[in-house]
């Protein structure tokens, strides 16, 4: 466990060509789209990548496209980082994605559910027998095979954990009505979660999380208009990577404005600790070994010495530390400890069990 929650976006996150870099660069992502094509009976990927934007008005297509793109992102994410999250949660169609990512249901079964669900709900305009429609929905939900007991998916219908298959039937009868999304975030922060990874197209959930919990760290996998954002993140293995954090510390140390014009003091408190920080990075830059706790403690001390040596004010330092932590989701480094405690306490988030 990494003390994180994975969030899956829903309707509104879609855009033309979403997931293209995943498909082009990762065979595991390509297999996800191939499975979708087979299940749906048409070339979903072709319509996402090269279709008319007007097709994104088709509810069934959009839901299948978001689900498929999210699972493609998640598959590559798991291949690269192999991280087991504490919780999974999604908004509207993202709730179905969360059940897939948690291992509760198969991707192909989720796609088939979308198709059948929309066939039934679209027929609602042709009939006044809502009880019949409700019964038919119960039937298709109940026949979704559960691969394992659901234990860590938070439903956005009531902001609580799914407990069994009956919960899925009851809650999913409310067709993707996300009335308690804020309660979903509150539940997870109440369980000591403040690091979130949004996996799927766009980055629509990040501001919604921060609105509920400003102290949260939310990393997004995708940015519309920057198709290689996620590819770079995966190739550099940025998450939970101490060596990458060292490289970013060096980058910040160089880029932060200097307000110290005393040559002797600058040499002692900026240049020398920078060289020592660089030596630690060089030690691990061509190794598969992650930096030790002792080296990270020294690196933290050198980094903070540089920041103070450049006469950076407290807000500047806090901002830089926050950015570094949000980019890597690393928390067990000395320079982050006070940042975490102070920020979380200021915002009223429970800190028991976090440190």
Protein backbone atom coordinates (compact mmCIF):
# COMPACT_ATOMS: atom_id res chain seq x y z
CA UNK A 1 0.00 0.00 0.00
CA UNK A 2 1.19 3.52 -0.81
CA UNK A 3 -1.44 5.47 1.11
CA UNK A 4 -3.04 6.73 -2.10
CA UNK A 5 -6.40 6.70 -3.85
CA UNK A 6 -6.94 6.35 -7.58
CA UNK A 7 -9.63 8.53 -9.15
CA UNK A 8 -11.36 7.81 -12.46
CA UNK A 9 -13.01 10.63 -14.45
CA UNK A 10 -16.43 10.56 -16.05
CA UNK A 11 -18.48 12.37 -18.66
CA UNK A 12 -16.93 15.69 -19.60
CA UNK A 13 -13.36 14.40 -19.64
CA UNK A 14 -13.54 13.15 -23.23
CA UNK A 15 -11.75 14.80 -26.15
CA UNK A 16 -10.75 13.86 -29.68
CA UNK A 17 -7.54 11.75 -29.86
CA UNK A 18 -7.50 11.07 -26.11
CA UNK A 19 -5.20 8.18 -25.23
CA UNK A 20 -3.30 8.34 -28.52
CA UNK A 21 0.14 8.46 -26.93
CA UNK A 22 -0.75 5.45 -24.78
CA UNK A 23 -1.87 3.46 -27.83
CA UNK A 24 1.16 4.49 -29.88
CA UNK A 25 3.76 3.71 -27.20
CA UNK A 26 2.49 0.80 -25.09
CA UNK A 27 1.42 -2.65 -26.29
CA UNK A 28 -0.62 -3.19 -23.10
CA UNK A 29 -2.70 -0.08 -23.89
CA UNK A 30 -3.20 -1.25 -27.47
CA UNK A 31 -4.60 -4.55 -26.15
CA UNK A 32 -7.19 -2.64 -24.13
CA UNK A 33 -8.46 -0.86 -27.24
CA UNK A 34 -8.43 -4.15 -29.17
CA UNK A 35 -10.62 -5.75 -26.49
CA UNK A 36 -13.01 -2.80 -26.71
CA UNK A 37 -13.27 -3.12 -30.49
CA UNK A 38 -14.07 -6.80 -30.14
CA UNK A 39 -16.69 -6.28 -27.43
CA UNK A 40 -18.42 -3.34 -29.09
CA UNK A 41 -18.33 -4.64 -32.65
CA UNK A 42 -16.85 -1.48 -34.11
CA UNK A 43 -13.50 0.31 -34.16
CA UNK A 44 -13.75 2.44 -31.02
CA UNK A 45 -10.14 3.55 -31.25
CA UNK A 46 -10.58 4.77 -34.84
CA UNK A 47 -13.56 6.87 -33.80
CA UNK A 48 -11.70 8.31 -30.81
CA UNK A 49 -8.55 9.10 -32.78
CA UNK A 50 -9.87 10.07 -36.18
CA UNK A 51 -13.62 10.44 -35.93
CA UNK A 52 -15.84 13.47 -36.07
CA UNK A 53 -16.08 15.42 -32.82
CA UNK A 54 -19.88 15.31 -33.24
CA UNK A 55 -19.70 11.61 -32.40
CA UNK A 56 -18.86 12.62 -28.87
CA UNK A 57 -22.53 13.51 -28.47
CA UNK A 58 -23.36 9.80 -28.64
CA UNK A 59 -23.84 8.78 -25.00
CA UNK A 60 -23.01 5.10 -25.47
CA UNK A 61 -19.88 5.90 -27.48
CA UNK A 62 -18.66 8.53 -25.02
CA UNK A 63 -19.10 6.27 -22.01
CA UNK A 64 -17.31 3.38 -23.72
CA UNK A 65 -14.56 5.72 -24.91
CA UNK A 66 -13.93 7.17 -21.44
CA UNK A 67 -13.97 3.74 -19.80
CA UNK A 68 -11.59 2.28 -22.40
CA UNK A 69 -9.17 5.21 -22.29
CA UNK A 70 -9.14 5.15 -18.49
CA UNK A 71 -8.40 1.42 -18.40
CA UNK A 72 -5.65 1.87 -21.00
CA UNK A 73 -4.02 4.51 -18.80
CA UNK A 74 -4.45 2.32 -15.71
CA UNK A 75 -2.96 -0.74 -17.41
CA UNK A 76 0.20 1.13 -18.37
CA UNK A 77 0.32 2.77 -14.94
CA UNK A 78 0.27 -0.67 -13.31
CA UNK A 79 2.89 -2.02 -15.71
CA UNK A 80 5.26 0.84 -14.89
CA UNK A 81 4.68 1.41 -11.17
CA UNK A 82 2.96 -1.77 -9.91
CA UNK A 83 1.18 0.18 -7.17
CA UNK A 84 -1.71 -1.12 -5.12
CA UNK A 85 -3.94 1.76 -4.06
CA UNK A 86 -5.86 1.96 -0.80
CA UNK A 87 -9.03 3.18 -2.50
CA UNK A 88 -10.58 3.58 -5.95
CA UNK A 89 -13.34 6.05 -6.76
CA UNK A 90 -14.90 7.42 -9.91
CA UNK A 91 -17.37 10.02 -11.01
CA UNK A 92 -20.38 8.86 -13.07
CA UNK A 93 -19.00 6.42 -15.68
CA UNK A 94 -15.72 6.57 -13.76
CA UNK A 95 -17.42 4.57 -11.02
CA UNK A 96 -17.55 1.63 -13.42
CA UNK A 97 -13.88 2.24 -14.26
CA UNK A 98 -13.08 2.15 -10.53
CA UNK A 99 -14.68 -1.29 -10.19
CA UNK A 100 -12.57 -2.54 -13.11
CA UNK A 101 -9.34 -1.03 -11.77
CA UNK A 102 -9.95 -2.51 -8.32
CA UNK A 103 -10.19 -5.96 -9.89
CA UNK A 104 -13.83 -6.41 -8.92
CA UNK A 105 -15.17 -6.81 -12.47
CA UNK A 106 -13.73 -7.50 -15.91
CA UNK A 107 -13.24 -4.73 -18.44
CA UNK A 108 -15.23 -6.61 -21.09
CA UNK A 109 -18.16 -7.08 -18.69
CA UNK A 110 -18.11 -3.35 -17.94
CA UNK A 111 -18.28 -2.55 -21.67
CA UNK A 112 -21.17 -4.96 -22.18
CA UNK A 113 -22.96 -3.34 -19.23
CA UNK A 114 -22.64 0.10 -20.86
CA UNK A 115 -24.20 -1.15 -24.07
CA UNK A 116 -27.08 -2.94 -22.35
CA UNK A 117 -27.63 -0.14 -19.85
CA UNK A 118 -28.01 2.45 -22.59
CA UNK A 119 -30.28 0.23 -24.67
CA UNK A 120 -32.64 -0.01 -21.72
CA UNK A 121 -32.50 3.62 -20.59
CA UNK A 122 -32.97 4.88 -24.17
CA UNK A 123 -36.14 2.83 -24.38
CA UNK A 124 -37.51 4.80 -21.43
CA UNK A 125 -38.89 7.43 -23.79
CA UNK A 126 -40.91 4.71 -25.51
CA UNK A 127 -42.58 3.34 -22.40
CA UNK A 128 -44.20 4.61 -19.24
CA UNK A 129 -43.52 1.38 -17.31
CA UNK A 130 -40.64 2.56 -15.15
CA UNK A 131 -40.94 -0.48 -12.92
CA UNK A 132 -40.24 -2.68 -15.92
CA UNK A 133 -37.19 -0.58 -16.79
CA UNK A 134 -35.94 -0.77 -13.22
CA UNK A 135 -36.38 -4.54 -13.22
CA UNK A 136 -34.45 -4.90 -16.48
CA UNK A 137 -31.63 -2.75 -15.12
CA UNK A 138 -31.46 -4.89 -12.00
CA UNK A 139 -31.13 -7.94 -14.19
CA UNK A 140 -28.18 -6.66 -16.21
CA UNK A 141 -26.39 -5.32 -13.13
CA UNK A 142 -26.93 -8.53 -11.19
CA UNK A 143 -25.41 -10.63 -13.96
CA UNK A 144 -22.11 -8.74 -13.93
CA UNK A 145 -19.69 -11.43 -12.69
CA UNK A 146 -17.74 -10.31 -9.63
CA UNK A 147 -14.12 -11.48 -9.79
CA UNK A 148 -13.60 -10.89 -6.10
CA UNK A 149 -15.14 -9.28 -3.05
CA UNK A 150 -15.42 -5.51 -3.37
CA UNK A 151 -13.62 -3.93 -0.45
CA UNK A 152 -11.90 -0.69 -1.49
CA UNK A 153 -14.17 1.06 -4.02
CA UNK A 154 -15.89 4.17 -2.66
CA UNK A 155 -19.24 4.79 -4.31
CA UNK A 156 -19.97 8.39 -5.19
CA UNK A 157 -23.68 7.76 -4.71
CA UNK A 158 -23.40 7.85 -0.93
CA UNK A 159 -19.68 8.30 -0.26
CA UNK A 160 -19.21 4.88 1.33
CA UNK A 161 -17.44 1.64 0.53
CA UNK A 162 -19.19 -0.93 -1.62
CA UNK A 163 -19.66 -3.95 0.61
CA UNK A 164 -21.11 -6.63 -1.66
CA UNK A 165 -22.74 -7.36 -5.00
CA UNK A 166 -26.13 -6.25 -3.66
CA UNK A 167 -24.63 -2.81 -3.08
CA UNK A 168 -23.57 -2.65 -6.71
CA UNK A 169 -27.06 -3.55 -7.87
CA UNK A 170 -28.72 -1.04 -5.54
CA UNK A 171 -26.38 1.86 -6.23
CA UNK A 172 -25.91 1.44 -9.95
CA UNK A 173 -29.66 1.48 -10.45
CA UNK A 174 -29.24 5.19 -9.97
CA UNK A 175 -27.81 5.69 -13.45
CA UNK A 176 -24.51 7.41 -12.69
CA UNK A 177 -26.08 10.04 -10.44
CA UNK A 178 -23.14 11.45 -8.56
CA UNK A 179 -24.83 13.36 -5.77
CA UNK A 180 -22.23 12.68 -3.09
CA UNK A 181 -18.87 13.17 -4.83
CA UNK A 182 -17.63 15.56 -2.15
CA UNK A 183 -18.57 13.00 0.49
CA UNK A 184 -16.49 10.47 -1.43
CA UNK A 185 -13.39 12.66 -1.08
CA UNK A 186 -14.21 13.44 2.55
CA UNK A 187 -14.50 9.75 3.32
CA UNK A 188 -11.05 9.02 1.92
CA UNK A 189 -9.36 11.99 3.60
CA UNK A 190 -11.05 10.87 6.80
CA UNK A 191 -9.27 7.55 6.34
CA UNK A 192 -5.92 9.35 6.18
CA UNK A 193 -5.67 9.59 2.38
CA UNK A 194 -4.39 12.86 0.98
CA UNK A 195 -2.49 11.65 -2.09
CA UNK A 196 -4.60 11.05 -5.19
CA UNK A 197 -3.80 9.91 -8.72
CA UNK A 198 -6.31 10.81 -11.43
CA UNK A 199 -6.08 8.17 -14.14
CA UNK A 200 -7.90 8.73 -17.41
CA UNK A 201 -8.47 11.42 -20.01
CA UNK A 202 -8.17 15.10 -19.11
CA UNK A 203 -7.69 16.32 -15.53
CA UNK A 204 -11.17 17.36 -14.48
CA UNK A 205 -11.15 15.80 -10.99
CA UNK A 206 -8.08 17.56 -9.58
CA UNK A 207 -9.76 20.94 -8.88
CA UNK A 208 -12.78 19.14 -7.43
CA UNK A 209 -10.58 17.29 -4.94
CA UNK A 210 -8.70 20.44 -3.96
CA UNK A 211 -12.00 22.23 -3.41
CA UNK A 212 -12.85 19.67 -0.73
CA UNK A 213 -9.31 19.25 0.65
CA UNK A 214 -6.82 22.01 -0.29
CA UNK A 215 -3.99 20.07 1.38
CA UNK A 216 -4.39 17.09 -0.97
CA UNK A 217 -1.71 16.08 -3.45
CA UNK A 218 -3.35 15.23 -6.78
CA UNK A 219 -1.28 13.95 -9.68
CA UNK A 220 -2.96 13.73 -13.08
CA UNK A 221 -1.99 11.33 -15.86
CA UNK A 222 -3.23 13.41 -18.77
CA UNK A 223 -3.51 16.98 -20.00
CA UNK A 224 -5.63 17.77 -23.04
CA UNK A 225 -3.42 19.48 -25.59
CA UNK A 226 -0.26 17.76 -24.31
CA UNK A 227 -0.51 14.18 -25.63
CA UNK A 228 2.93 13.17 -24.42
CA UNK A 229 2.54 14.38 -20.85
CA UNK A 230 1.66 10.90 -19.63
CA UNK A 231 4.26 9.21 -21.82
CA UNK A 232 7.00 11.33 -20.28
CA UNK A 233 5.68 10.63 -16.78
CA UNK A 234 5.75 6.89 -17.40
CA UNK A 235 9.10 6.78 -19.19
CA UNK A 236 10.82 8.78 -16.46
CA UNK A 237 9.02 6.78 -13.76
CA UNK A 238 8.40 9.96 -11.81
CA UNK A 239 6.14 8.56 -9.10
CA UNK A 240 7.64 7.43 -5.80
CA UNK A 241 11.07 7.64 -7.42
CA UNK A 242 13.67 9.11 -5.10
CA UNK A 243 16.30 9.42 -7.83
CA UNK A 244 13.91 11.45 -9.93
CA UNK A 245 13.17 13.60 -6.88
CA UNK A 246 16.92 14.27 -6.53
CA UNK A 247 17.08 15.41 -10.15
CA UNK A 248 14.12 17.74 -9.61
CA UNK A 249 15.69 19.13 -6.44
CA UNK A 250 18.77 20.04 -8.49
CA UNK A 251 16.55 21.67 -11.11
CA UNK A 252 14.71 23.75 -8.52
CA UNK A 253 17.99 24.69 -6.82
CA UNK A 254 19.21 26.18 -10.11
CA UNK A 255 15.97 27.84 -11.18
CA UNK A 256 14.84 29.47 -7.94
CA UNK A 257 15.68 33.21 -7.96
CA UNK A 258 18.76 34.27 -6.00
CA UNK A 259 18.53 37.11 -3.50
CA UNK A 260 21.93 36.58 -1.90
CA UNK A 261 24.62 38.87 -3.32
CA UNK A 262 27.28 38.15 -0.75
CA UNK A 263 29.83 36.13 -2.73
CA UNK A 264 31.36 34.38 0.25
CA UNK A 265 28.01 33.44 1.79
CA UNK A 266 26.67 32.33 -1.62
CA UNK A 267 29.67 30.04 -2.11
CA UNK A 268 29.26 28.48 1.33
CA UNK A 269 25.47 28.14 1.43
CA UNK A 270 24.53 27.67 -2.22
CA UNK A 271 27.43 26.42 -4.34
CA UNK A 272 28.88 23.95 -1.84
CA UNK A 273 25.59 22.28 -0.82
CA UNK A 274 24.58 22.18 -4.50
CA UNK A 275 27.74 20.21 -5.31
CA UNK A 276 27.06 17.87 -2.39
CA UNK A 277 23.48 17.35 -3.56
CA UNK A 278 24.73 16.68 -7.08
CA UNK A 279 27.20 14.09 -5.75
CA UNK A 280 24.31 12.18 -4.16
CA UNK A 281 22.37 12.30 -7.41
CA UNK A 282 25.39 11.09 -9.42
CA UNK A 283 25.70 8.14 -7.05
CA UNK A 284 22.28 6.85 -8.11
CA UNK A 285 21.64 8.33 -11.55
CA UNK A 286 22.91 5.27 -13.43
CA UNK A 287 21.80 2.70 -10.87
CA UNK A 288 18.59 0.77 -10.37
CA UNK A 289 19.03 1.19 -6.64
CA UNK A 290 16.91 3.79 -4.90
CA UNK A 291 18.68 6.38 -2.67
CA UNK A 292 19.00 5.34 0.97
CA UNK A 293 17.20 7.05 3.84
CA UNK A 294 20.52 8.49 5.00
CA UNK A 295 21.34 9.95 1.57
CA UNK A 296 17.85 11.40 1.25
CA UNK A 297 18.19 13.00 4.69
CA UNK A 298 21.47 14.59 3.57
CA UNK A 299 19.92 15.64 0.25
CA UNK A 300 17.02 17.29 2.07
CA UNK A 301 19.43 19.19 4.28
CA UNK A 302 21.49 20.39 1.31
CA UNK A 303 18.37 21.42 -0.62
CA UNK A 304 16.99 23.45 2.27
CA UNK A 305 20.42 25.03 2.79
CA UNK A 306 20.40 26.13 -0.85
CA UNK A 307 16.89 27.59 -0.58
CA UNK A 308 17.80 29.55 2.53
CA UNK A 309 21.20 30.39 1.04
CA UNK A 310 19.44 32.07 -1.88
CA UNK A 311 17.36 34.02 0.65
CA UNK A 312 14.09 32.50 -0.52
CA UNK A 313 11.15 33.52 1.65
CA UNK A 314 9.01 30.99 3.51
CA UNK A 315 6.18 31.06 0.95
CA UNK A 316 8.58 30.43 -1.92
CA UNK A 317 10.11 27.47 -0.10
CA UNK A 318 6.72 26.03 0.80
CA UNK A 319 5.54 26.36 -2.80
CA UNK A 320 8.63 24.66 -4.20
CA UNK A 321 8.38 21.80 -1.71
CA UNK A 322 4.68 21.39 -2.43
CA UNK A 323 5.35 21.21 -6.18
CA UNK A 324 8.08 18.61 -5.70
CA UNK A 325 5.87 16.46 -3.53
CA UNK A 326 2.87 16.77 -5.81
CA UNK A 327 5.00 15.78 -8.82
CA UNK A 328 6.45 12.66 -7.19
CA UNK A 329 3.92 11.83 -4.44
CA UNK A 330 6.85 11.07 -2.14
CA UNK A 331 6.21 11.89 1.50
CA UNK A 332 8.89 10.01 3.52
CA UNK A 333 11.65 12.59 3.04
CA UNK A 334 12.75 14.91 5.84
CA UNK A 335 12.10 18.17 4.02
CA UNK A 336 8.46 17.18 3.42
CA UNK A 337 7.59 16.26 7.00
CA UNK A 338 6.84 19.72 8.37
CA UNK A 339 5.15 20.68 5.10
CA UNK A 340 2.74 17.75 5.43
CA UNK A 341 1.93 18.23 9.09
CA UNK A 342 1.57 21.99 8.99
CA UNK A 343 -0.50 22.05 5.82
CA UNK A 344 -2.79 19.26 6.88
CA UNK A 345 -3.30 20.64 10.37
CA UNK A 346 -4.01 24.09 8.96
CA UNK A 347 -6.72 22.63 6.74
CA UNK A 348 -8.19 20.46 9.46
CA UNK A 349 -7.29 17.09 7.93
CA UNK A 350 -6.70 14.21 10.35
CA UNK A 351 -2.98 13.40 10.45
CA UNK A 352 -3.04 10.30 12.61
CA UNK A 353 -1.39 7.39 10.80
CA UNK A 354 0.10 9.58 8.10
CA UNK A 355 3.55 9.99 9.57
